Amino acid sequence: MTINPALYGIGGDAWLYDVMKGEGWLLGPRATRTVEPGDDASYFLLMAVGKSGLALIGDLAMIGHKEMFVTMGRKRISDASDDGVVDLTVEFSVGEVMRPISGYSPKAGNVSAVHGRLSSPGWTASTRMFSVNVRPEPGTRTARLRISQVGQVTPPPRGGACAPRCAAPPGSGPVQ
């Protein structure tokens, strides 16, 4: 099976991720990739790489022995933008206390919580994938976070003001 990002409306770089094998490929603007579906099941995700240089997969979690693929569903990721920094809102169902958010990044990045809490941020050089565990803001079922590559300044959220020396929110910092 040949994947051509242009056929899906992606005009720039794209990240093709094989969920079952846990590997991915960066595809240039006119590149294609031939993939072989597995014997039992195959699940591929294709995402545009945004202005930030990141491609957001969203929620890709294992529950017990079954895989749960919510990725970028609107009931999980209710808002996402990329103006050079990824800004996203994560929604939680009743009883959920943590969701892992994943994506592609060519290098380690910065992640900060605007609302909610973050834990266990990480980036793996061999897969070029980042992940962070996100928890909702206490008393709510939402969290909002911002993700950027190391070396980029993560500005305050749109519409937010910041004094010249803003303190980093708890649970924020570089993804390593």
N, C-alpha and C. Protein backbone atom coordinates (compact mmCIF):
# COMPACT_ATOMS: atom_id res chain seq x y z
N MET A 1 0.86 -1.15 0.00
CA MET A 1 0.00 0.00 0.00
C MET A 1 0.91 1.22 0.00
N THR A 2 0.66 2.17 -0.90
CA THR A 2 1.47 3.38 -0.99
C THR A 2 0.70 4.55 -0.40
N ILE A 3 1.35 5.26 0.53
CA ILE A 3 0.76 6.43 1.19
C ILE A 3 1.33 7.68 0.53
N ASN A 4 0.45 8.53 0.03
CA ASN A 4 0.83 9.78 -0.59
C ASN A 4 0.14 10.91 0.18
N PRO A 5 0.87 11.64 1.05
CA PRO A 5 0.23 12.69 1.86
C PRO A 5 -0.51 13.73 1.03
N ALA A 6 -0.04 14.03 -0.18
CA ALA A 6 -0.71 15.03 -1.02
C ALA A 6 -2.15 14.62 -1.34
N LEU A 7 -2.41 13.32 -1.45
CA LEU A 7 -3.78 12.85 -1.72
C LEU A 7 -4.72 13.11 -0.55
N TYR A 8 -4.15 13.40 0.62
CA TYR A 8 -4.95 13.69 1.81
C TYR A 8 -4.91 15.18 2.15
N GLY A 9 -4.44 15.99 1.20
CA GLY A 9 -4.44 17.43 1.39
C GLY A 9 -3.25 17.98 2.14
N ILE A 10 -2.22 17.17 2.35
CA ILE A 10 -1.02 17.62 3.06
C ILE A 10 -0.01 18.09 2.02
N GLY A 11 0.28 19.39 2.01
CA GLY A 11 1.17 19.96 1.01
C GLY A 11 2.61 20.08 1.45
N GLY A 12 2.87 19.94 2.73
CA GLY A 12 4.24 20.05 3.26
C GLY A 12 4.69 18.72 3.83
N ASP A 13 5.59 18.79 4.80
CA ASP A 13 6.07 17.57 5.44
C ASP A 13 4.94 16.86 6.18
N ALA A 14 5.06 15.54 6.27
CA ALA A 14 4.06 14.73 6.98
C ALA A 14 4.78 13.66 7.79
N TRP A 15 4.13 13.19 8.84
CA TRP A 15 4.64 12.11 9.68
C TRP A 15 3.69 10.94 9.51
N LEU A 16 4.21 9.81 9.05
CA LEU A 16 3.45 8.58 8.90
C LEU A 16 3.87 7.65 10.03
N TYR A 17 2.91 7.23 10.84
CA TYR A 17 3.21 6.43 12.02
C TYR A 17 2.48 5.10 11.96
N ASP A 18 3.23 4.01 12.10
CA ASP A 18 2.68 2.65 12.17
C ASP A 18 2.46 2.34 13.64
N VAL A 19 1.21 2.40 14.07
CA VAL A 19 0.87 2.23 15.48
C VAL A 19 1.26 0.84 15.97
N MET A 20 1.00 -0.18 15.19
CA MET A 20 1.26 -1.55 15.63
C MET A 20 2.75 -1.84 15.79
N LYS A 21 3.57 -1.26 14.94
CA LYS A 21 5.02 -1.49 15.02
C LYS A 21 5.74 -0.43 15.84
N GLY A 22 5.06 0.68 16.13
CA GLY A 22 5.68 1.74 16.91
C GLY A 22 6.81 2.44 16.18
N GLU A 23 6.67 2.59 14.86
CA GLU A 23 7.70 3.30 14.11
C GLU A 23 7.05 4.28 13.15
N GLY A 24 7.83 5.30 12.77
CA GLY A 24 7.29 6.31 11.89
C GLY A 24 8.31 6.82 10.91
N TRP A 25 7.83 7.59 9.92
CA TRP A 25 8.67 8.12 8.86
C TRP A 25 8.27 9.55 8.58
N LEU A 26 9.28 10.40 8.44
CA LEU A 26 9.05 11.78 8.01
C LEU A 26 9.05 11.78 6.48
N LEU A 27 7.97 12.29 5.90
CA LEU A 27 7.82 12.33 4.45
C LEU A 27 7.86 13.78 3.99
N GLY A 28 8.70 14.06 3.01
CA GLY A 28 8.80 15.40 2.44
C GLY A 28 7.54 15.75 1.66
N PRO A 29 7.47 16.99 1.15
CA PRO A 29 6.26 17.48 0.48
C PRO A 29 5.75 16.63 -0.69
N ARG A 30 6.61 15.99 -1.43
CA ARG A 30 6.15 15.19 -2.57
C ARG A 30 6.51 13.72 -2.41
N ALA A 31 6.87 13.33 -1.22
CA ALA A 31 7.30 11.95 -0.99
C ALA A 31 6.10 11.02 -0.78
N THR A 32 6.33 9.74 -1.06
CA THR A 32 5.35 8.70 -0.76
C THR A 32 6.08 7.63 0.03
N ARG A 33 5.32 6.75 0.65
CA ARG A 33 5.91 5.64 1.40
C ARG A 33 5.06 4.40 1.14
N THR A 34 5.72 3.32 0.78
CA THR A 34 5.03 2.04 0.61
C THR A 34 5.15 1.29 1.92
N VAL A 35 4.03 0.85 2.45
CA VAL A 35 3.98 0.12 3.72
C VAL A 35 3.30 -1.22 3.49
N GLU A 36 3.71 -2.19 4.26
CA GLU A 36 3.11 -3.52 4.17
C GLU A 36 2.21 -3.74 5.38
N PRO A 37 0.91 -3.89 5.15
CA PRO A 37 0.01 -4.18 6.27
C PRO A 37 0.41 -5.49 6.96
N GLY A 38 0.22 -5.53 8.27
CA GLY A 38 0.54 -6.72 9.04
C GLY A 38 -0.43 -7.85 8.77
N ASP A 39 -0.07 -9.05 9.25
CA ASP A 39 -0.92 -10.22 9.06
C ASP A 39 -2.21 -10.13 9.87
N ASP A 40 -2.11 -9.66 11.11
CA ASP A 40 -3.29 -9.60 11.98
C ASP A 40 -4.06 -8.29 11.83
N ALA A 41 -3.37 -7.19 12.03
CA ALA A 41 -4.02 -5.87 11.96
C ALA A 41 -2.96 -4.82 11.67
N SER A 42 -3.39 -3.76 11.06
CA SER A 42 -2.52 -2.62 10.79
C SER A 42 -3.29 -1.35 11.10
N TYR A 43 -2.56 -0.37 11.59
CA TYR A 43 -3.17 0.93 11.89
C TYR A 43 -2.11 1.99 11.65
N PHE A 44 -2.32 2.81 10.63
CA PHE A 44 -1.37 3.86 10.28
C PHE A 44 -2.03 5.21 10.51
N LEU A 45 -1.24 6.15 11.02
CA LEU A 45 -1.69 7.52 11.20
C LEU A 45 -0.84 8.43 10.32
N LEU A 46 -1.46 9.37 9.67
CA LEU A 46 -0.77 10.33 8.81
C LEU A 46 -1.13 11.72 9.30
N MET A 47 -0.11 12.50 9.71
CA MET A 47 -0.35 13.83 10.23
C MET A 47 0.55 14.83 9.52
N ALA A 48 0.03 16.01 9.28
CA ALA A 48 0.84 17.10 8.74
C ALA A 48 1.79 17.58 9.83
N VAL A 49 3.01 17.92 9.45
CA VAL A 49 3.95 18.56 10.36
C VAL A 49 3.62 20.05 10.32
N GLY A 50 3.38 20.62 11.50
CA GLY A 50 2.95 22.02 11.58
C GLY A 50 4.11 23.00 11.58
N LYS A 51 3.77 24.28 11.73
CA LYS A 51 4.78 25.35 11.77
C LYS A 51 5.80 25.14 12.88
N SER A 52 5.40 24.44 13.93
CA SER A 52 6.28 24.17 15.06
C SER A 52 7.33 23.11 14.73
N GLY A 53 7.13 22.39 13.61
CA GLY A 53 8.00 21.25 13.29
C GLY A 53 7.53 19.97 13.95
N LEU A 54 6.38 20.03 14.62
CA LEU A 54 5.81 18.89 15.33
C LEU A 54 4.60 18.34 14.58
N ALA A 55 4.31 17.07 14.79
CA ALA A 55 3.08 16.46 14.29
C ALA A 55 2.40 15.81 15.49
N LEU A 56 1.24 16.27 15.81
CA LEU A 56 0.52 15.80 17.00
C LEU A 56 -0.28 14.55 16.68
N ILE A 57 -0.02 13.47 17.42
CA ILE A 57 -0.83 12.26 17.30
C ILE A 57 -2.04 12.37 18.20
N GLY A 58 -1.84 12.86 19.41
CA GLY A 58 -2.94 12.98 20.36
C GLY A 58 -2.86 11.85 21.37
N ASP A 59 -4.01 11.28 21.72
CA ASP A 59 -4.11 10.25 22.75
C ASP A 59 -3.95 8.88 22.10
N LEU A 60 -2.87 8.22 22.45
CA LEU A 60 -2.58 6.89 21.93
C LEU A 60 -2.22 6.04 23.14
N ALA A 61 -3.20 5.37 23.73
CA ALA A 61 -3.00 4.72 25.02
C ALA A 61 -3.37 3.24 24.98
N MET A 62 -2.73 2.49 25.86
CA MET A 62 -3.07 1.08 26.05
C MET A 62 -3.89 0.95 27.32
N ILE A 63 -4.98 0.22 27.23
CA ILE A 63 -5.79 -0.07 28.41
C ILE A 63 -5.87 -1.59 28.51
N GLY A 64 -5.28 -2.13 29.56
CA GLY A 64 -5.23 -3.58 29.70
C GLY A 64 -4.50 -4.19 28.52
N HIS A 65 -5.11 -5.20 27.91
CA HIS A 65 -4.51 -5.85 26.75
C HIS A 65 -5.13 -5.36 25.45
N LYS A 66 -6.04 -4.41 25.55
CA LYS A 66 -6.68 -3.87 24.35
C LYS A 66 -6.09 -2.50 24.05
N GLU A 67 -5.97 -2.20 22.79
CA GLU A 67 -5.50 -0.87 22.38
C GLU A 67 -6.71 0.06 22.27
N MET A 68 -6.52 1.28 22.74
CA MET A 68 -7.56 2.29 22.60
C MET A 68 -6.97 3.43 21.79
N PHE A 69 -7.49 3.67 20.62
CA PHE A 69 -6.95 4.69 19.74
C PHE A 69 -7.94 5.84 19.64
N VAL A 70 -7.75 6.86 20.43
CA VAL A 70 -8.61 8.03 20.36
C VAL A 70 -7.94 9.08 19.49
N THR A 71 -6.65 9.11 19.49
CA THR A 71 -5.79 10.05 18.76
C THR A 71 -6.34 11.47 18.83
N MET A 72 -6.79 12.02 17.69
CA MET A 72 -7.21 13.42 17.63
C MET A 72 -8.72 13.59 17.56
N GLY A 73 -9.48 12.63 18.06
CA GLY A 73 -10.94 12.77 18.07
C GLY A 73 -11.37 14.02 18.82
N ARG A 74 -12.40 14.70 18.33
CA ARG A 74 -12.85 15.96 18.94
C ARG A 74 -13.33 15.80 20.37
N LYS A 75 -13.74 14.59 20.74
CA LYS A 75 -14.15 14.38 22.13
C LYS A 75 -12.95 14.26 23.05
N ARG A 76 -11.76 14.06 22.50
CA ARG A 76 -10.54 14.00 23.30
C ARG A 76 -9.74 15.30 23.15
N ILE A 77 -9.48 15.72 21.92
CA ILE A 77 -8.74 16.95 21.65
C ILE A 77 -9.76 17.94 21.08
N SER A 78 -10.31 18.80 21.95
CA SER A 78 -11.39 19.68 21.51
C SER A 78 -10.89 20.91 20.76
N ASP A 79 -9.62 21.26 20.92
CA ASP A 79 -9.07 22.41 20.22
C ASP A 79 -7.58 22.20 20.05
N ALA A 80 -7.07 22.48 18.87
CA ALA A 80 -5.63 22.38 18.60
C ALA A 80 -5.26 23.38 17.54
N SER A 81 -4.12 24.05 17.75
CA SER A 81 -3.60 24.98 16.76
C SER A 81 -2.08 24.90 16.79
N ASP A 82 -1.46 25.39 15.72
CA ASP A 82 -0.01 25.37 15.62
C ASP A 82 0.43 26.62 14.87
N ASP A 83 0.83 27.64 15.64
CA ASP A 83 1.32 28.88 15.05
C ASP A 83 2.83 28.99 15.25
N GLY A 84 3.49 27.85 15.37
CA GLY A 84 4.90 27.77 15.72
C GLY A 84 5.06 27.14 17.09
N VAL A 85 3.97 27.12 17.85
CA VAL A 85 3.86 26.42 19.13
C VAL A 85 2.52 25.69 19.10
N VAL A 86 2.51 24.41 19.43
CA VAL A 86 1.26 23.65 19.48
C VAL A 86 0.52 24.04 20.75
N ASP A 87 -0.74 24.39 20.61
CA ASP A 87 -1.61 24.76 21.73
C ASP A 87 -2.82 23.84 21.62
N LEU A 88 -3.06 23.02 22.64
CA LEU A 88 -4.18 22.09 22.55
C LEU A 88 -4.92 21.95 23.85
N THR A 89 -6.20 21.62 23.72
CA THR A 89 -7.08 21.38 24.86
C THR A 89 -7.46 19.91 24.85
N VAL A 90 -7.25 19.26 25.98
CA VAL A 90 -7.54 17.83 26.15
C VAL A 90 -8.77 17.70 27.02
N GLU A 91 -9.73 16.90 26.57
CA GLU A 91 -10.96 16.64 27.31
C GLU A 91 -10.88 15.27 27.98
N PHE A 92 -11.46 15.16 29.17
CA PHE A 92 -11.45 13.92 29.93
C PHE A 92 -12.88 13.46 30.18
N SER A 93 -13.09 12.16 30.12
CA SER A 93 -14.39 11.58 30.46
C SER A 93 -14.51 11.50 31.97
N VAL A 94 -15.73 11.31 32.44
CA VAL A 94 -15.96 11.15 33.87
C VAL A 94 -15.11 10.00 34.38
N GLY A 95 -14.38 10.23 35.44
CA GLY A 95 -13.56 9.19 36.05
C GLY A 95 -12.13 9.10 35.52
N GLU A 96 -11.84 9.72 34.39
CA GLU A 96 -10.47 9.71 33.87
C GLU A 96 -9.62 10.71 34.64
N VAL A 97 -8.43 10.29 35.02
CA VAL A 97 -7.54 11.17 35.78
C VAL A 97 -6.26 11.51 35.03
N MET A 98 -5.96 10.78 33.95
CA MET A 98 -4.73 11.02 33.20
C MET A 98 -4.88 10.46 31.80
N ARG A 99 -4.32 11.20 30.82
CA ARG A 99 -4.28 10.73 29.44
C ARG A 99 -2.89 11.03 28.89
N PRO A 100 -2.29 10.09 28.17
CA PRO A 100 -1.00 10.36 27.53
C PRO A 100 -1.22 11.02 26.16
N ILE A 101 -0.44 12.06 25.89
CA ILE A 101 -0.49 12.75 24.61
C ILE A 101 0.85 12.53 23.92
N SER A 102 0.82 12.17 22.65
CA SER A 102 2.04 11.81 21.91
C SER A 102 2.11 12.55 20.58
N GLY A 103 3.31 12.54 20.01
CA GLY A 103 3.49 13.12 18.69
C GLY A 103 4.92 13.00 18.21
N TYR A 104 5.15 13.49 17.00
CA TYR A 104 6.47 13.50 16.38
C TYR A 104 7.17 14.81 16.68
N SER A 105 8.46 14.73 16.98
CA SER A 105 9.32 15.90 17.10
C SER A 105 10.72 15.50 16.68
N PRO A 106 11.37 16.28 15.82
CA PRO A 106 12.71 15.91 15.38
C PRO A 106 13.75 15.98 16.50
N LYS A 107 13.41 16.68 17.58
CA LYS A 107 14.31 16.78 18.73
C LYS A 107 13.48 16.99 19.98
N ALA A 108 14.14 16.93 21.13
CA ALA A 108 13.45 17.14 22.40
C ALA A 108 12.75 18.49 22.38
N GLY A 109 11.70 18.63 23.17
CA GLY A 109 10.93 19.86 23.15
C GLY A 109 10.59 20.36 24.54
N ASN A 110 9.83 21.43 24.56
CA ASN A 110 9.31 22.02 25.78
C ASN A 110 7.81 21.77 25.84
N VAL A 111 7.33 21.49 27.02
CA VAL A 111 5.89 21.33 27.20
C VAL A 111 5.51 22.07 28.49
N SER A 112 4.39 22.78 28.44
CA SER A 112 3.93 23.48 29.63
C SER A 112 2.42 23.37 29.72
N ALA A 113 1.93 23.37 30.96
CA ALA A 113 0.50 23.32 31.21
C ALA A 113 -0.02 24.73 31.40
N VAL A 114 -1.03 25.11 30.63
CA VAL A 114 -1.72 26.37 30.84
C VAL A 114 -2.79 26.14 31.89
N HIS A 115 -3.51 25.02 31.79
CA HIS A 115 -4.48 24.54 32.78
C HIS A 115 -4.25 23.05 32.92
N GLY A 116 -4.32 22.53 34.12
CA GLY A 116 -4.10 21.11 34.34
C GLY A 116 -2.68 20.85 34.80
N ARG A 117 -2.31 19.58 34.81
CA ARG A 117 -0.99 19.17 35.30
C ARG A 117 -0.35 18.23 34.28
N LEU A 118 0.98 18.24 34.25
CA LEU A 118 1.74 17.37 33.37
C LEU A 118 2.68 16.52 34.20
N SER A 119 2.94 15.31 33.73
CA SER A 119 3.94 14.46 34.38
C SER A 119 4.56 13.54 33.33
N SER A 120 5.71 13.04 33.65
CA SER A 120 6.43 12.07 32.83
C SER A 120 6.65 12.52 31.39
N PRO A 121 7.08 13.78 31.16
CA PRO A 121 7.37 14.14 29.78
C PRO A 121 8.59 13.38 29.28
N GLY A 122 8.57 12.99 28.03
CA GLY A 122 9.71 12.26 27.48
C GLY A 122 9.79 12.36 25.98
N TRP A 123 10.97 12.12 25.44
CA TRP A 123 11.21 12.10 24.01
C TRP A 123 12.21 10.99 23.75
N THR A 124 11.97 10.19 22.71
CA THR A 124 12.85 9.09 22.36
C THR A 124 13.52 9.39 21.03
N ALA A 125 14.84 9.48 21.04
CA ALA A 125 15.59 9.85 19.83
C ALA A 125 15.40 8.83 18.70
N SER A 126 15.35 7.54 19.04
CA SER A 126 15.27 6.51 17.99
C SER A 126 13.95 6.55 17.23
N THR A 127 12.87 6.94 17.89
CA THR A 127 11.56 7.01 17.22
C THR A 127 11.15 8.44 16.88
N ARG A 128 11.85 9.41 17.46
CA ARG A 128 11.51 10.84 17.32
C ARG A 128 10.09 11.11 17.79
N MET A 129 9.69 10.43 18.84
CA MET A 129 8.34 10.60 19.39
C MET A 129 8.43 11.18 20.79
N PHE A 130 7.52 12.10 21.09
CA PHE A 130 7.41 12.63 22.44
C PHE A 130 6.12 12.13 23.06
N SER A 131 6.09 12.13 24.38
CA SER A 131 4.86 11.80 25.09
C SER A 131 4.87 12.54 26.42
N VAL A 132 3.69 12.82 26.91
CA VAL A 132 3.53 13.48 28.20
C VAL A 132 2.19 13.03 28.77
N ASN A 133 2.16 12.77 30.07
CA ASN A 133 0.92 12.43 30.75
C ASN A 133 0.25 13.72 31.18
N VAL A 134 -1.01 13.87 30.82
CA VAL A 134 -1.77 15.09 31.09
C VAL A 134 -2.89 14.78 32.07
N ARG A 135 -3.04 15.65 33.06
CA ARG A 135 -4.12 15.52 34.05
C ARG A 135 -4.99 16.77 33.98
N PRO A 136 -6.30 16.62 34.20
CA PRO A 136 -7.18 17.79 34.10
C PRO A 136 -6.94 18.80 35.22
N GLU A 137 -7.33 20.03 34.97
CA GLU A 137 -7.33 21.07 35.99
C GLU A 137 -8.27 20.59 37.10
N PRO A 138 -7.85 20.68 38.37
CA PRO A 138 -8.73 20.24 39.47
C PRO A 138 -10.11 20.87 39.37
N GLY A 139 -11.13 20.04 39.54
CA GLY A 139 -12.51 20.50 39.50
C GLY A 139 -13.07 20.63 38.09
N THR A 140 -12.28 20.25 37.08
CA THR A 140 -12.75 20.32 35.70
C THR A 140 -12.47 18.98 35.01
N ARG A 141 -12.85 18.89 33.75
CA ARG A 141 -12.51 17.72 32.94
C ARG A 141 -11.73 18.16 31.71
N THR A 142 -10.90 19.21 31.86
CA THR A 142 -10.08 19.68 30.75
C THR A 142 -8.67 20.04 31.20
N ALA A 143 -7.77 20.01 30.24
CA ALA A 143 -6.40 20.49 30.44
C ALA A 143 -6.00 21.20 29.15
N ARG A 144 -5.13 22.16 29.28
CA ARG A 144 -4.63 22.86 28.10
C ARG A 144 -3.12 22.90 28.19
N LEU A 145 -2.44 22.55 27.10
CA LEU A 145 -1.00 22.55 27.11
C LEU A 145 -0.43 23.16 25.85
N ARG A 146 0.86 23.52 25.95
CA ARG A 146 1.60 24.12 24.83
C ARG A 146 2.89 23.33 24.67
N ILE A 147 3.22 23.02 23.41
CA ILE A 147 4.39 22.20 23.12
C ILE A 147 5.19 22.88 22.02
N SER A 148 6.51 22.94 22.22
CA SER A 148 7.39 23.51 21.21
C SER A 148 8.71 22.77 21.23
N GLN A 149 9.52 23.00 20.21
CA GLN A 149 10.84 22.39 20.16
C GLN A 149 11.79 23.17 21.07
N VAL A 150 12.81 22.50 21.59
CA VAL A 150 13.82 23.16 22.39
C VAL A 150 14.45 24.25 21.54
N GLY A 151 14.70 25.39 22.15
CA GLY A 151 15.28 26.51 21.43
C GLY A 151 14.23 27.49 20.97
N GLN A 152 12.96 27.06 20.94
CA GLN A 152 11.88 27.98 20.62
C GLN A 152 11.35 28.53 21.93
N VAL A 153 10.99 29.78 21.94
CA VAL A 153 10.38 30.37 23.13
C VAL A 153 8.90 30.03 23.10
N THR A 154 8.40 29.51 24.20
CA THR A 154 6.98 29.22 24.30
C THR A 154 6.30 30.45 24.87
N PRO A 155 5.67 31.28 24.00
CA PRO A 155 5.05 32.51 24.49
C PRO A 155 3.82 32.20 25.33
N PRO A 156 3.35 33.19 26.08
CA PRO A 156 2.12 32.97 26.84
C PRO A 156 0.97 32.69 25.88
N PRO A 157 -0.09 32.05 26.37
CA PRO A 157 -1.22 31.73 25.51
C PRO A 157 -1.80 32.97 24.86
N ARG A 158 -2.42 32.78 23.69
CA ARG A 158 -3.08 33.90 23.02
C ARG A 158 -4.06 34.54 23.98
N GLY A 159 -4.01 35.86 24.02
CA GLY A 159 -4.93 36.58 24.89
C GLY A 159 -4.45 36.64 26.32
N GLY A 160 -3.33 35.98 26.65
CA GLY A 160 -2.82 35.99 28.01
C GLY A 160 -1.71 37.01 28.15
N ALA A 161 -1.63 37.60 29.29
CA ALA A 161 -0.57 38.56 29.55
C ALA A 161 0.50 37.89 30.39
N CYS A 162 1.71 38.36 30.27
CA CYS A 162 2.80 37.78 31.02
C CYS A 162 3.77 38.89 31.41
N ALA A 163 4.13 38.93 32.66
CA ALA A 163 5.11 39.91 33.13
C ALA A 163 6.45 39.60 32.49
N PRO A 164 7.40 40.51 32.53
CA PRO A 164 8.69 40.25 31.90
C PRO A 164 9.36 38.95 32.37
N ARG A 165 9.12 38.55 33.59
CA ARG A 165 9.75 37.32 34.08
C ARG A 165 8.68 36.37 34.62
N CYS A 166 7.98 35.73 33.72
CA CYS A 166 6.93 34.80 34.13
C CYS A 166 7.56 33.54 34.70
N ALA A 167 6.97 33.03 35.75
CA ALA A 167 7.42 31.76 36.31
C ALA A 167 6.83 30.62 35.50
N ALA A 168 7.61 29.56 35.32
CA ALA A 168 7.10 28.39 34.63
C ALA A 168 6.04 27.72 35.47
N PRO A 169 4.93 27.28 34.86
CA PRO A 169 3.91 26.59 35.63
C PRO A 169 4.44 25.27 36.18
N PRO A 170 3.90 24.79 37.32
CA PRO A 170 4.33 23.51 37.86
C PRO A 170 4.13 22.41 36.82
N GLY A 171 5.09 21.51 36.73
CA GLY A 171 4.98 20.39 35.81
C GLY A 171 5.39 20.74 34.39
N SER A 172 5.93 21.94 34.17
CA SER A 172 6.35 22.29 32.82
C SER A 172 7.86 22.18 32.72
N GLY A 173 8.33 22.19 31.53
CA GLY A 173 9.77 22.15 31.34
C GLY A 173 10.14 21.36 30.11
N PRO A 174 11.44 21.17 29.91
CA PRO A 174 11.88 20.48 28.70
C PRO A 174 11.49 19.01 28.71
N VAL A 175 11.14 18.52 27.54
CA VAL A 175 10.90 17.10 27.33
C VAL A 175 12.22 16.50 26.95
N GLN A 176 12.71 15.54 27.72
CA GLN A 176 14.04 14.97 27.44
C GLN A 176 13.96 13.49 27.26
